[in-house]
Amino acid sequence: MLIASLMLAAAPPDAARVALGTELARYGEVAQMLPAVELQQTDELLDAHPELSTRERLELRRTAHRVAMAGLERLIATEGRAYAERLSTEDLRALVAFARSGPAQRMRAAEGAVAAATLKSMRGYDYKREVMRAFCAETGKGCASAAVAGGPELACLPAASLPVSVQPGASR
């Protein structure tokens, strides 16, 4: 396996493998996210230039789209070549076949709503506060900064109020 991986990495990919990698990249996250990024950033540009006429605003949108599509093509080409350099033709064929399938298409269609739901569930989550809360409970140290990071209610909370995995003496 290691030797096959080294041989794959040593040989430049042929055109067929690059084409498969490029097709796979077209189904990827970068290709799926760029239209939303393009719209958001174009709207920000338009908001920053209220002096533009309706015609000029439309022209700015056209320019933004052309630039975004050129950038997307460069990104897809780079990502596709990177896949081709790292994956076998057999793997690429299997991944492209899956990407073309109905379940994969439905998964991509659901990804925006899934991401939104996931991000919504994270509202109010403060990673630094949680780390300092656990560190304070485990070591008795950093409790002052835990209070600063997450408010005075964190100043060395009783260990019993924390999940078992972060209580002092819990096995890790």
N, C-alpha and C. Protein backbone atom coordinates (compact mmCIF):
# COMPACT_ATOMS: atom_id res chain seq x y z
N MET A 1 0.82 -1.19 0.00
CA MET A 1 0.00 0.00 0.00
C MET A 1 0.86 1.25 0.00
N LEU A 2 1.87 1.30 0.85
CA LEU A 2 2.75 2.46 0.92
C LEU A 2 3.50 2.64 -0.39
N ILE A 3 3.99 1.55 -0.95
CA ILE A 3 4.71 1.63 -2.22
C ILE A 3 3.79 2.13 -3.33
N ALA A 4 2.56 1.63 -3.36
CA ALA A 4 1.60 2.09 -4.37
C ALA A 4 1.32 3.58 -4.21
N SER A 5 1.21 4.04 -2.97
CA SER A 5 0.98 5.46 -2.72
C SER A 5 2.15 6.30 -3.17
N LEU A 6 3.37 5.82 -2.90
CA LEU A 6 4.56 6.55 -3.32
C LEU A 6 4.67 6.59 -4.84
N MET A 7 4.36 5.48 -5.50
CA MET A 7 4.41 5.45 -6.96
C MET A 7 3.38 6.41 -7.54
N LEU A 8 2.19 6.44 -6.95
CA LEU A 8 1.12 7.33 -7.42
C LEU A 8 1.56 8.77 -7.27
N ALA A 9 2.19 9.10 -6.13
CA ALA A 9 2.61 10.47 -5.89
C ALA A 9 3.78 10.87 -6.79
N ALA A 10 4.63 9.91 -7.17
CA ALA A 10 5.81 10.22 -7.96
C ALA A 10 5.46 10.48 -9.42
N ALA A 11 4.49 9.78 -9.97
CA ALA A 11 4.15 9.93 -11.38
C ALA A 11 3.14 11.05 -11.54
N PRO A 12 3.39 11.96 -12.50
CA PRO A 12 2.37 12.99 -12.73
C PRO A 12 1.10 12.33 -13.26
N PRO A 13 -0.05 12.83 -12.86
CA PRO A 13 -1.29 12.19 -13.29
C PRO A 13 -1.53 12.40 -14.79
N ASP A 14 -2.12 11.39 -15.42
CA ASP A 14 -2.44 11.54 -16.84
C ASP A 14 -3.69 12.38 -17.00
N ALA A 15 -3.98 12.76 -18.24
CA ALA A 15 -5.10 13.66 -18.52
C ALA A 15 -6.44 13.08 -18.07
N ALA A 16 -6.60 11.76 -18.20
CA ALA A 16 -7.87 11.13 -17.80
C ALA A 16 -8.08 11.25 -16.29
N ARG A 17 -7.00 11.05 -15.53
CA ARG A 17 -7.11 11.16 -14.08
C ARG A 17 -7.37 12.61 -13.67
N VAL A 18 -6.73 13.55 -14.35
CA VAL A 18 -6.97 14.97 -14.06
C VAL A 18 -8.42 15.33 -14.38
N ALA A 19 -8.95 14.79 -15.47
CA ALA A 19 -10.34 15.06 -15.84
C ALA A 19 -11.29 14.52 -14.77
N LEU A 20 -11.01 13.32 -14.26
CA LEU A 20 -11.83 12.76 -13.19
C LEU A 20 -11.72 13.61 -11.92
N GLY A 21 -10.50 14.02 -11.58
CA GLY A 21 -10.30 14.86 -10.40
C GLY A 21 -11.03 16.19 -10.54
N THR A 22 -11.01 16.74 -11.74
CA THR A 22 -11.70 18.00 -12.00
C THR A 22 -13.20 17.84 -11.88
N GLU A 23 -13.72 16.75 -12.41
CA GLU A 23 -15.16 16.52 -12.27
C GLU A 23 -15.53 16.37 -10.79
N LEU A 24 -14.72 15.65 -10.06
CA LEU A 24 -14.98 15.50 -8.63
C LEU A 24 -14.95 16.85 -7.93
N ALA A 25 -14.01 17.69 -8.30
CA ALA A 25 -13.91 19.02 -7.70
C ALA A 25 -15.15 19.85 -7.99
N ARG A 26 -15.76 19.69 -9.15
CA ARG A 26 -16.97 20.44 -9.49
C ARG A 26 -18.13 20.10 -8.56
N TYR A 27 -18.08 18.92 -7.95
CA TYR A 27 -19.12 18.53 -7.00
C TYR A 27 -18.76 18.93 -5.57
N GLY A 28 -17.56 19.45 -5.37
CA GLY A 28 -17.04 19.70 -4.03
C GLY A 28 -17.57 20.95 -3.36
N GLU A 29 -17.12 21.14 -2.14
CA GLU A 29 -17.60 22.24 -1.31
C GLU A 29 -17.25 23.60 -1.88
N VAL A 30 -16.05 23.77 -2.42
CA VAL A 30 -15.66 25.07 -2.97
C VAL A 30 -16.62 25.45 -4.08
N ALA A 31 -16.87 24.53 -4.99
CA ALA A 31 -17.77 24.82 -6.11
C ALA A 31 -19.19 25.07 -5.63
N GLN A 32 -19.59 24.42 -4.57
CA GLN A 32 -20.94 24.60 -4.06
C GLN A 32 -21.10 25.89 -3.27
N MET A 33 -20.04 26.33 -2.60
CA MET A 33 -20.12 27.51 -1.76
C MET A 33 -19.91 28.82 -2.52
N LEU A 34 -19.15 28.79 -3.59
CA LEU A 34 -18.77 30.03 -4.25
C LEU A 34 -19.95 30.88 -4.70
N PRO A 35 -21.03 30.32 -5.24
CA PRO A 35 -22.15 31.19 -5.62
C PRO A 35 -22.69 32.03 -4.46
N ALA A 36 -22.80 31.46 -3.29
CA ALA A 36 -23.28 32.21 -2.13
C ALA A 36 -22.28 33.29 -1.73
N VAL A 37 -21.00 32.96 -1.77
CA VAL A 37 -19.96 33.93 -1.45
C VAL A 37 -19.98 35.06 -2.47
N GLU A 38 -20.12 34.69 -3.74
CA GLU A 38 -20.18 35.69 -4.81
C GLU A 38 -21.33 36.67 -4.56
N LEU A 39 -22.51 36.15 -4.28
CA LEU A 39 -23.66 37.02 -4.04
C LEU A 39 -23.44 37.94 -2.84
N GLN A 40 -22.95 37.37 -1.75
CA GLN A 40 -22.73 38.17 -0.54
C GLN A 40 -21.71 39.27 -0.80
N GLN A 41 -20.59 38.92 -1.40
CA GLN A 41 -19.54 39.91 -1.60
C GLN A 41 -19.93 40.95 -2.65
N THR A 42 -20.68 40.52 -3.65
CA THR A 42 -21.16 41.48 -4.65
C THR A 42 -22.13 42.46 -4.01
N ASP A 43 -23.03 41.97 -3.17
CA ASP A 43 -23.95 42.85 -2.46
C ASP A 43 -23.18 43.84 -1.58
N GLU A 44 -22.11 43.37 -0.94
CA GLU A 44 -21.30 44.27 -0.11
C GLU A 44 -20.63 45.35 -0.97
N LEU A 45 -20.14 44.96 -2.16
CA LEU A 45 -19.56 45.94 -3.07
C LEU A 45 -20.60 46.98 -3.49
N LEU A 46 -21.78 46.51 -3.83
CA LEU A 46 -22.84 47.43 -4.24
C LEU A 46 -23.24 48.36 -3.10
N ASP A 47 -23.31 47.83 -1.89
CA ASP A 47 -23.63 48.66 -0.73
C ASP A 47 -22.55 49.72 -0.50
N ALA A 48 -21.30 49.39 -0.82
CA ALA A 48 -20.19 50.32 -0.62
C ALA A 48 -20.14 51.40 -1.71
N HIS A 49 -20.93 51.22 -2.76
CA HIS A 49 -20.91 52.18 -3.87
C HIS A 49 -22.32 52.61 -4.25
N PRO A 50 -22.98 53.34 -3.35
CA PRO A 50 -24.35 53.79 -3.63
C PRO A 50 -24.40 54.82 -4.76
N GLU A 51 -23.25 55.40 -5.12
CA GLU A 51 -23.23 56.41 -6.17
C GLU A 51 -23.43 55.83 -7.57
N LEU A 52 -23.37 54.50 -7.71
CA LEU A 52 -23.52 53.88 -9.03
C LEU A 52 -24.97 53.95 -9.49
N SER A 53 -25.11 54.16 -10.78
CA SER A 53 -26.45 54.17 -11.38
C SER A 53 -26.96 52.73 -11.48
N THR A 54 -28.21 52.59 -11.81
CA THR A 54 -28.80 51.25 -11.98
C THR A 54 -28.03 50.48 -13.05
N ARG A 55 -27.71 51.13 -14.14
CA ARG A 55 -26.96 50.48 -15.22
C ARG A 55 -25.56 50.07 -14.75
N GLU A 56 -24.91 50.95 -14.00
CA GLU A 56 -23.57 50.65 -13.50
C GLU A 56 -23.61 49.53 -12.46
N ARG A 57 -24.66 49.49 -11.67
CA ARG A 57 -24.81 48.42 -10.69
C ARG A 57 -24.95 47.07 -11.39
N LEU A 58 -25.73 47.05 -12.45
CA LEU A 58 -25.89 45.83 -13.23
C LEU A 58 -24.56 45.41 -13.85
N GLU A 59 -23.81 46.38 -14.34
CA GLU A 59 -22.50 46.08 -14.94
C GLU A 59 -21.53 45.56 -13.88
N LEU A 60 -21.60 46.13 -12.67
CA LEU A 60 -20.76 45.63 -11.58
C LEU A 60 -21.12 44.18 -11.26
N ARG A 61 -22.40 43.86 -11.24
CA ARG A 61 -22.82 42.47 -11.01
C ARG A 61 -22.28 41.54 -12.10
N ARG A 62 -22.36 41.97 -13.34
CA ARG A 62 -21.82 41.15 -14.45
C ARG A 62 -20.32 40.94 -14.28
N THR A 63 -19.62 42.02 -13.95
CA THR A 63 -18.16 41.92 -13.75
C THR A 63 -17.85 40.99 -12.59
N ALA A 64 -18.57 41.14 -11.51
CA ALA A 64 -18.34 40.29 -10.34
C ALA A 64 -18.57 38.82 -10.70
N HIS A 65 -19.60 38.55 -11.46
CA HIS A 65 -19.88 37.16 -11.85
C HIS A 65 -18.77 36.61 -12.74
N ARG A 66 -18.33 37.41 -13.69
CA ARG A 66 -17.25 36.96 -14.59
C ARG A 66 -15.98 36.67 -13.79
N VAL A 67 -15.63 37.55 -12.86
CA VAL A 67 -14.43 37.36 -12.03
C VAL A 67 -14.60 36.12 -11.15
N ALA A 68 -15.78 35.94 -10.57
CA ALA A 68 -16.03 34.78 -9.71
C ALA A 68 -15.92 33.48 -10.50
N MET A 69 -16.46 33.46 -11.71
CA MET A 69 -16.40 32.24 -12.52
C MET A 69 -14.97 31.92 -12.93
N ALA A 70 -14.18 32.95 -13.26
CA ALA A 70 -12.77 32.72 -13.60
C ALA A 70 -12.03 32.18 -12.38
N GLY A 71 -12.31 32.76 -11.22
CA GLY A 71 -11.68 32.26 -10.00
C GLY A 71 -12.10 30.84 -9.69
N LEU A 72 -13.38 30.55 -9.88
CA LEU A 72 -13.87 29.20 -9.63
C LEU A 72 -13.18 28.20 -10.54
N GLU A 73 -13.02 28.54 -11.81
CA GLU A 73 -12.34 27.62 -12.74
C GLU A 73 -10.91 27.36 -12.30
N ARG A 74 -10.21 28.39 -11.83
CA ARG A 74 -8.84 28.18 -11.34
C ARG A 74 -8.83 27.27 -10.11
N LEU A 75 -9.77 27.52 -9.19
CA LEU A 75 -9.85 26.69 -7.98
C LEU A 75 -10.18 25.25 -8.32
N ILE A 76 -11.13 25.05 -9.22
CA ILE A 76 -11.52 23.69 -9.60
C ILE A 76 -10.36 22.97 -10.29
N ALA A 77 -9.65 23.68 -11.16
CA ALA A 77 -8.51 23.07 -11.83
C ALA A 77 -7.44 22.66 -10.81
N THR A 78 -7.18 23.52 -9.85
CA THR A 78 -6.19 23.21 -8.82
C THR A 78 -6.64 22.05 -7.95
N GLU A 79 -7.90 22.10 -7.51
CA GLU A 79 -8.43 21.02 -6.68
C GLU A 79 -8.47 19.71 -7.45
N GLY A 80 -8.89 19.77 -8.71
CA GLY A 80 -8.96 18.56 -9.53
C GLY A 80 -7.60 17.92 -9.72
N ARG A 81 -6.60 18.75 -10.00
CA ARG A 81 -5.24 18.21 -10.16
C ARG A 81 -4.74 17.62 -8.83
N ALA A 82 -5.06 18.28 -7.72
CA ALA A 82 -4.64 17.76 -6.41
C ALA A 82 -5.27 16.40 -6.14
N TYR A 83 -6.56 16.25 -6.48
CA TYR A 83 -7.20 14.93 -6.35
C TYR A 83 -6.49 13.91 -7.24
N ALA A 84 -6.21 14.30 -8.48
CA ALA A 84 -5.57 13.38 -9.43
C ALA A 84 -4.18 12.96 -8.97
N GLU A 85 -3.49 13.84 -8.30
CA GLU A 85 -2.15 13.52 -7.81
C GLU A 85 -2.17 12.61 -6.59
N ARG A 86 -3.30 12.58 -5.88
CA ARG A 86 -3.35 11.86 -4.61
C ARG A 86 -4.24 10.62 -4.61
N LEU A 87 -5.09 10.50 -5.61
CA LEU A 87 -6.01 9.37 -5.66
C LEU A 87 -5.80 8.57 -6.93
N SER A 88 -6.05 7.28 -6.84
CA SER A 88 -5.92 6.42 -8.01
C SER A 88 -7.09 6.65 -8.96
N THR A 89 -6.91 6.21 -10.19
CA THR A 89 -7.98 6.30 -11.18
C THR A 89 -9.20 5.54 -10.69
N GLU A 90 -8.98 4.38 -10.10
CA GLU A 90 -10.08 3.57 -9.57
C GLU A 90 -10.86 4.33 -8.49
N ASP A 91 -10.13 4.95 -7.56
CA ASP A 91 -10.79 5.73 -6.50
C ASP A 91 -11.56 6.91 -7.10
N LEU A 92 -10.94 7.60 -8.03
CA LEU A 92 -11.60 8.76 -8.65
C LEU A 92 -12.87 8.33 -9.37
N ARG A 93 -12.81 7.24 -10.09
CA ARG A 93 -14.01 6.75 -10.78
C ARG A 93 -15.14 6.45 -9.79
N ALA A 94 -14.79 5.80 -8.70
CA ALA A 94 -15.80 5.46 -7.69
C ALA A 94 -16.37 6.73 -7.05
N LEU A 95 -15.52 7.68 -6.74
CA LEU A 95 -15.99 8.92 -6.11
C LEU A 95 -16.85 9.74 -7.06
N VAL A 96 -16.47 9.81 -8.33
CA VAL A 96 -17.27 10.54 -9.31
C VAL A 96 -18.61 9.83 -9.52
N ALA A 97 -18.60 8.51 -9.57
CA ALA A 97 -19.85 7.77 -9.72
C ALA A 97 -20.78 8.07 -8.54
N PHE A 98 -20.23 8.10 -7.35
CA PHE A 98 -21.06 8.44 -6.19
C PHE A 98 -21.56 9.88 -6.30
N ALA A 99 -20.68 10.81 -6.66
CA ALA A 99 -21.06 12.22 -6.75
C ALA A 99 -22.18 12.44 -7.76
N ARG A 100 -22.23 11.62 -8.81
CA ARG A 100 -23.29 11.72 -9.82
C ARG A 100 -24.60 11.08 -9.36
N SER A 101 -24.55 10.26 -8.34
CA SER A 101 -25.71 9.47 -7.92
C SER A 101 -26.80 10.34 -7.30
N GLY A 102 -28.00 9.80 -7.29
CA GLY A 102 -29.13 10.48 -6.67
C GLY A 102 -28.91 10.81 -5.20
N PRO A 103 -28.45 9.83 -4.40
CA PRO A 103 -28.22 10.15 -2.98
C PRO A 103 -27.22 11.29 -2.78
N ALA A 104 -26.16 11.32 -3.58
CA ALA A 104 -25.17 12.40 -3.44
C ALA A 104 -25.77 13.73 -3.86
N GLN A 105 -26.58 13.72 -4.89
CA GLN A 105 -27.23 14.97 -5.33
C GLN A 105 -28.18 15.48 -4.25
N ARG A 106 -28.92 14.58 -3.64
CA ARG A 106 -29.84 14.99 -2.57
C ARG A 106 -29.06 15.47 -1.35
N MET A 107 -27.92 14.85 -1.07
CA MET A 107 -27.10 15.28 0.04
C MET A 107 -26.61 16.71 -0.22
N ARG A 108 -26.12 16.99 -1.42
CA ARG A 108 -25.65 18.34 -1.74
C ARG A 108 -26.80 19.35 -1.64
N ALA A 109 -27.99 18.95 -2.08
CA ALA A 109 -29.14 19.85 -2.01
C ALA A 109 -29.50 20.16 -0.55
N ALA A 110 -29.27 19.22 0.34
CA ALA A 110 -29.61 19.41 1.75
C ALA A 110 -28.52 20.12 2.54
N GLU A 111 -27.32 20.20 2.00
CA GLU A 111 -26.18 20.71 2.78
C GLU A 111 -26.37 22.11 3.32
N GLY A 112 -26.98 23.00 2.55
CA GLY A 112 -27.19 24.37 3.05
C GLY A 112 -28.05 24.39 4.28
N ALA A 113 -29.17 23.68 4.25
CA ALA A 113 -30.08 23.63 5.39
C ALA A 113 -29.42 22.91 6.57
N VAL A 114 -28.65 21.87 6.28
CA VAL A 114 -27.97 21.13 7.35
C VAL A 114 -26.93 22.04 8.02
N ALA A 115 -26.17 22.77 7.20
CA ALA A 115 -25.16 23.68 7.76
C ALA A 115 -25.83 24.77 8.60
N ALA A 116 -26.93 25.31 8.11
CA ALA A 116 -27.65 26.35 8.86
C ALA A 116 -28.15 25.81 10.20
N ALA A 117 -28.70 24.61 10.20
CA ALA A 117 -29.19 24.02 11.44
C ALA A 117 -28.04 23.76 12.41
N THR A 118 -26.92 23.30 11.88
CA THR A 118 -25.76 23.03 12.72
C THR A 118 -25.24 24.32 13.34
N LEU A 119 -25.11 25.35 12.53
CA LEU A 119 -24.62 26.63 13.05
C LEU A 119 -25.59 27.23 14.05
N LYS A 120 -26.89 27.07 13.80
CA LYS A 120 -27.89 27.58 14.75
C LYS A 120 -27.73 26.90 16.10
N SER A 121 -27.46 25.61 16.09
CA SER A 121 -27.31 24.88 17.35
C SER A 121 -26.07 25.33 18.13
N MET A 122 -25.14 25.99 17.44
CA MET A 122 -23.91 26.44 18.09
C MET A 122 -24.02 27.86 18.62
N ARG A 123 -25.15 28.52 18.42
CA ARG A 123 -25.31 29.89 18.93
C ARG A 123 -25.10 29.89 20.43
N GLY A 124 -24.29 30.82 20.89
CA GLY A 124 -24.02 30.93 22.31
C GLY A 124 -22.89 30.03 22.79
N TYR A 125 -22.40 29.14 21.94
CA TYR A 125 -21.30 28.27 22.33
C TYR A 125 -20.02 29.07 22.30
N ASP A 126 -19.27 29.02 23.36
CA ASP A 126 -18.01 29.75 23.47
C ASP A 126 -16.92 28.74 23.80
N TYR A 127 -16.16 28.37 22.80
CA TYR A 127 -15.13 27.35 22.94
C TYR A 127 -14.14 27.70 24.04
N LYS A 128 -13.65 28.94 24.03
CA LYS A 128 -12.65 29.33 25.03
C LYS A 128 -13.22 29.24 26.44
N ARG A 129 -14.47 29.64 26.60
CA ARG A 129 -15.11 29.54 27.91
C ARG A 129 -15.20 28.08 28.35
N GLU A 130 -15.60 27.22 27.43
CA GLU A 130 -15.74 25.80 27.77
C GLU A 130 -14.38 25.18 28.13
N VAL A 131 -13.34 25.56 27.41
CA VAL A 131 -12.00 25.04 27.70
C VAL A 131 -11.56 25.50 29.09
N MET A 132 -11.72 26.78 29.37
CA MET A 132 -11.28 27.29 30.67
C MET A 132 -12.12 26.73 31.80
N ARG A 133 -13.41 26.51 31.55
CA ARG A 133 -14.27 25.91 32.57
C ARG A 133 -13.75 24.50 32.89
N ALA A 134 -13.46 23.72 31.88
CA ALA A 134 -12.97 22.36 32.09
C ALA A 134 -11.59 22.37 32.74
N PHE A 135 -10.70 23.26 32.27
CA PHE A 135 -9.35 23.34 32.82
C PHE A 135 -9.40 23.75 34.28
N CYS A 136 -10.24 24.71 34.62
CA CYS A 136 -10.41 25.14 36.01
C CYS A 136 -10.88 23.98 36.87
N ALA A 137 -11.87 23.25 36.38
CA ALA A 137 -12.41 22.12 37.14
C ALA A 137 -11.39 21.01 37.31
N GLU A 138 -10.56 20.79 36.27
CA GLU A 138 -9.58 19.71 36.32
C GLU A 138 -8.37 20.04 37.17
N THR A 139 -7.93 21.29 37.12
CA THR A 139 -6.66 21.64 37.74
C THR A 139 -6.76 22.66 38.86
N GLY A 140 -7.88 23.36 38.94
CA GLY A 140 -7.98 24.45 39.90
C GLY A 140 -7.23 25.68 39.43
N LYS A 141 -6.68 25.65 38.24
CA LYS A 141 -5.90 26.77 37.69
C LYS A 141 -6.70 27.46 36.60
N GLY A 142 -6.37 28.73 36.37
CA GLY A 142 -7.02 29.47 35.30
C GLY A 142 -8.44 29.87 35.61
N CYS A 143 -8.86 29.73 36.85
CA CYS A 143 -10.25 30.02 37.19
C CYS A 143 -10.57 31.49 37.05
N ALA A 144 -9.59 32.36 37.30
CA ALA A 144 -9.83 33.80 37.13
C ALA A 144 -10.06 34.11 35.66
N SER A 145 -9.24 33.51 34.78
CA SER A 145 -9.44 33.78 33.35
C SER A 145 -10.70 33.09 32.87
N ALA A 146 -11.10 31.99 33.51
CA ALA A 146 -12.37 31.36 33.15
C ALA A 146 -13.50 32.31 33.46
N ALA A 147 -13.37 33.02 34.57
CA ALA A 147 -14.40 34.00 34.94
C ALA A 147 -14.41 35.14 33.94
N VAL A 148 -13.24 35.61 33.50
CA VAL A 148 -13.17 36.69 32.52
C VAL A 148 -13.71 36.22 31.18
N ALA A 149 -13.33 35.02 30.75
CA ALA A 149 -13.75 34.52 29.45
C ALA A 149 -15.24 34.24 29.39
N GLY A 150 -15.81 33.80 30.48
CA GLY A 150 -17.20 33.40 30.40
C GLY A 150 -18.10 34.07 31.40
N GLY A 151 -17.61 35.03 32.13
CA GLY A 151 -18.43 35.71 33.11
C GLY A 151 -18.15 35.17 34.50
N PRO A 152 -18.56 35.90 35.53
CA PRO A 152 -18.23 35.53 36.91
C PRO A 152 -18.81 34.19 37.32
N GLU A 153 -19.85 33.73 36.65
CA GLU A 153 -20.45 32.45 37.04
C GLU A 153 -19.52 31.27 36.82
N LEU A 154 -18.41 31.48 36.10
CA LEU A 154 -17.49 30.38 35.82
C LEU A 154 -16.38 30.24 36.86
N ALA A 155 -16.26 31.19 37.74
CA ALA A 155 -15.15 31.15 38.68
C ALA A 155 -15.22 29.86 39.49
N CYS A 156 -14.46 28.89 39.05
CA CYS A 156 -14.36 27.58 39.69
C CYS A 156 -15.71 27.02 40.11
N LEU A 157 -16.49 26.70 39.11
CA LEU A 157 -17.77 26.04 39.36
C LEU A 157 -17.54 24.75 40.10
N PRO A 158 -18.48 24.31 40.90
CA PRO A 158 -18.32 23.01 41.56
C PRO A 158 -18.17 21.91 40.51
N ALA A 159 -17.24 21.03 40.73
CA ALA A 159 -16.96 19.98 39.76
C ALA A 159 -18.21 19.16 39.45
N ALA A 160 -19.08 18.98 40.42
CA ALA A 160 -20.27 18.16 40.21
C ALA A 160 -21.19 18.76 39.15
N SER A 161 -21.06 20.07 38.90
CA SER A 161 -21.93 20.70 37.91
C SER A 161 -21.41 20.51 36.49
N LEU A 162 -20.20 19.95 36.36
CA LEU A 162 -19.61 19.75 35.04
C LEU A 162 -19.84 18.34 34.56
N PRO A 163 -19.78 18.11 33.24
CA PRO A 163 -19.90 16.75 32.73
C PRO A 163 -18.83 15.85 33.35
N VAL A 164 -19.15 14.59 33.51
CA VAL A 164 -18.22 13.64 34.13
C VAL A 164 -16.87 13.67 33.43
N SER A 165 -16.86 13.82 32.10
CA SER A 165 -15.61 13.77 31.36
C SER A 165 -14.64 14.88 31.74
N VAL A 166 -15.12 15.96 32.34
CA VAL A 166 -14.21 17.05 32.72
C VAL A 166 -14.13 17.26 34.22
N GLN A 167 -14.74 16.37 35.01
CA GLN A 167 -14.63 16.50 36.46
C GLN A 167 -13.24 16.07 36.89
N PRO A 168 -12.70 16.73 37.93
CA PRO A 168 -11.37 16.34 38.41
C PRO A 168 -11.31 14.85 38.70
N GLY A 169 -10.24 14.23 38.27
CA GLY A 169 -10.04 12.81 38.52
C GLY A 169 -10.73 11.89 37.55
N ALA A 170 -11.52 12.45 36.61
CA ALA A 170 -12.19 11.59 35.62
C ALA A 170 -11.15 10.99 34.71
N SER A 171 -11.33 9.74 34.36
CA SER A 171 -10.35 9.09 33.49
C SER A 171 -10.49 9.66 32.08
N ARG A 172 -9.36 9.84 31.43
CA ARG A 172 -9.35 10.42 30.09
C ARG A 172 -8.81 9.44 29.10
